[in-house]
Amino acid sequence: MNSIKLEALQKPCPRCGNRFECGAAIHQCACFSIKLSLQTKEFIRENYDDCLCISCLNELNLQNPE
């Protein structure tokens, strides 16, 4: 029996360029614990095609409070 090992991906943040570990594909990402405002979610959806690092998510969330 073959077992598939799922791992978080190392990728660059499209906003700041820093590398971070994205675990969205394995449903274990640090970003899942961040509550983003509706304005922040909309801004990210309109401006980025990929995941952002935790630092950028927190920074954007502070700029767009609910």
Protein backbone atom coordinates (compact mmCIF):
# COMPACT_ATOMS: atom_id res chain seq x y z
CA MET A 1 0.00 0.00 0.00
CA ASN A 2 1.37 3.41 -0.98
CA SER A 3 0.84 6.24 1.45
CA ILE A 4 0.88 9.80 0.24
CA LYS A 5 2.69 12.22 2.51
CA LEU A 6 1.24 15.71 2.32
CA GLU A 7 3.48 18.58 3.35
CA ALA A 8 3.27 22.32 3.61
CA LEU A 9 4.80 24.22 0.70
CA GLN A 10 7.63 26.73 0.91
CA LYS A 11 6.68 29.67 -1.29
CA PRO A 12 7.36 33.38 -1.69
CA CYS A 13 4.74 35.84 -0.50
CA PRO A 14 3.47 37.76 -3.55
CA ARG A 15 3.23 40.95 -1.46
CA CYS A 16 6.57 41.14 0.38
CA GLY A 17 8.65 38.44 -1.32
CA ASN A 18 9.59 36.65 1.91
CA ARG A 19 9.43 32.86 1.82
CA PHE A 20 6.89 31.22 4.12
CA GLU A 21 5.35 27.83 4.75
CA CYS A 22 1.85 27.46 3.30
CA GLY A 23 -0.16 24.55 4.63
CA ALA A 24 -3.48 25.36 2.93
CA ALA A 25 -3.25 22.28 0.72
CA ILE A 26 -2.99 20.03 3.78
CA HIS A 27 -5.57 21.99 5.79
CA GLN A 28 -2.99 22.98 8.44
CA CYS A 29 -1.94 26.55 7.71
CA ALA A 30 -1.17 29.22 10.30
CA CYS A 31 -3.38 31.66 8.38
CA PHE A 32 -6.46 29.65 9.38
CA SER A 33 -6.23 31.22 12.85
CA ILE A 34 -6.39 34.82 11.54
CA LYS A 35 -9.80 36.47 11.39
CA LEU A 36 -9.68 38.81 8.40
CA SER A 37 -12.08 41.71 8.00
CA LEU A 38 -14.42 41.66 5.01
CA GLN A 39 -12.52 44.62 3.54
CA THR A 40 -9.21 42.76 3.87
CA LYS A 41 -10.61 39.62 2.23
CA GLU A 42 -11.96 41.69 -0.67
CA PHE A 43 -8.66 43.56 -1.08
CA ILE A 44 -6.67 40.30 -1.14
CA ARG A 45 -9.07 38.67 -3.59
CA GLU A 46 -8.82 41.66 -5.96
CA ASN A 47 -5.04 42.10 -5.76
CA TYR A 48 -3.41 38.69 -5.26
CA ASP A 49 -3.70 35.28 -6.90
CA ASP A 50 -1.90 33.28 -4.21
CA CYS A 51 -1.48 32.99 -0.45
CA LEU A 52 0.14 35.77 1.56
CA CYS A 53 2.45 35.31 4.54
CA ILE A 54 1.15 35.77 8.09
CA SER A 55 2.96 39.11 8.49
CA CYS A 56 1.30 40.56 5.41
CA LEU A 57 -2.12 39.21 6.39
CA ASN A 58 -1.83 40.84 9.81
CA GLU A 59 -0.56 44.11 8.33
CA LEU A 60 -3.38 44.30 5.77
CA ASN A 61 -5.91 43.44 8.45
CA LEU A 62 -4.70 46.38 10.58
CA GLN A 63 -5.06 48.69 7.57
CA ASN A 64 -8.64 47.50 6.91
CA PRO A 65 -10.36 46.95 10.28
CA GLU A 66 -14.02 45.95 10.34
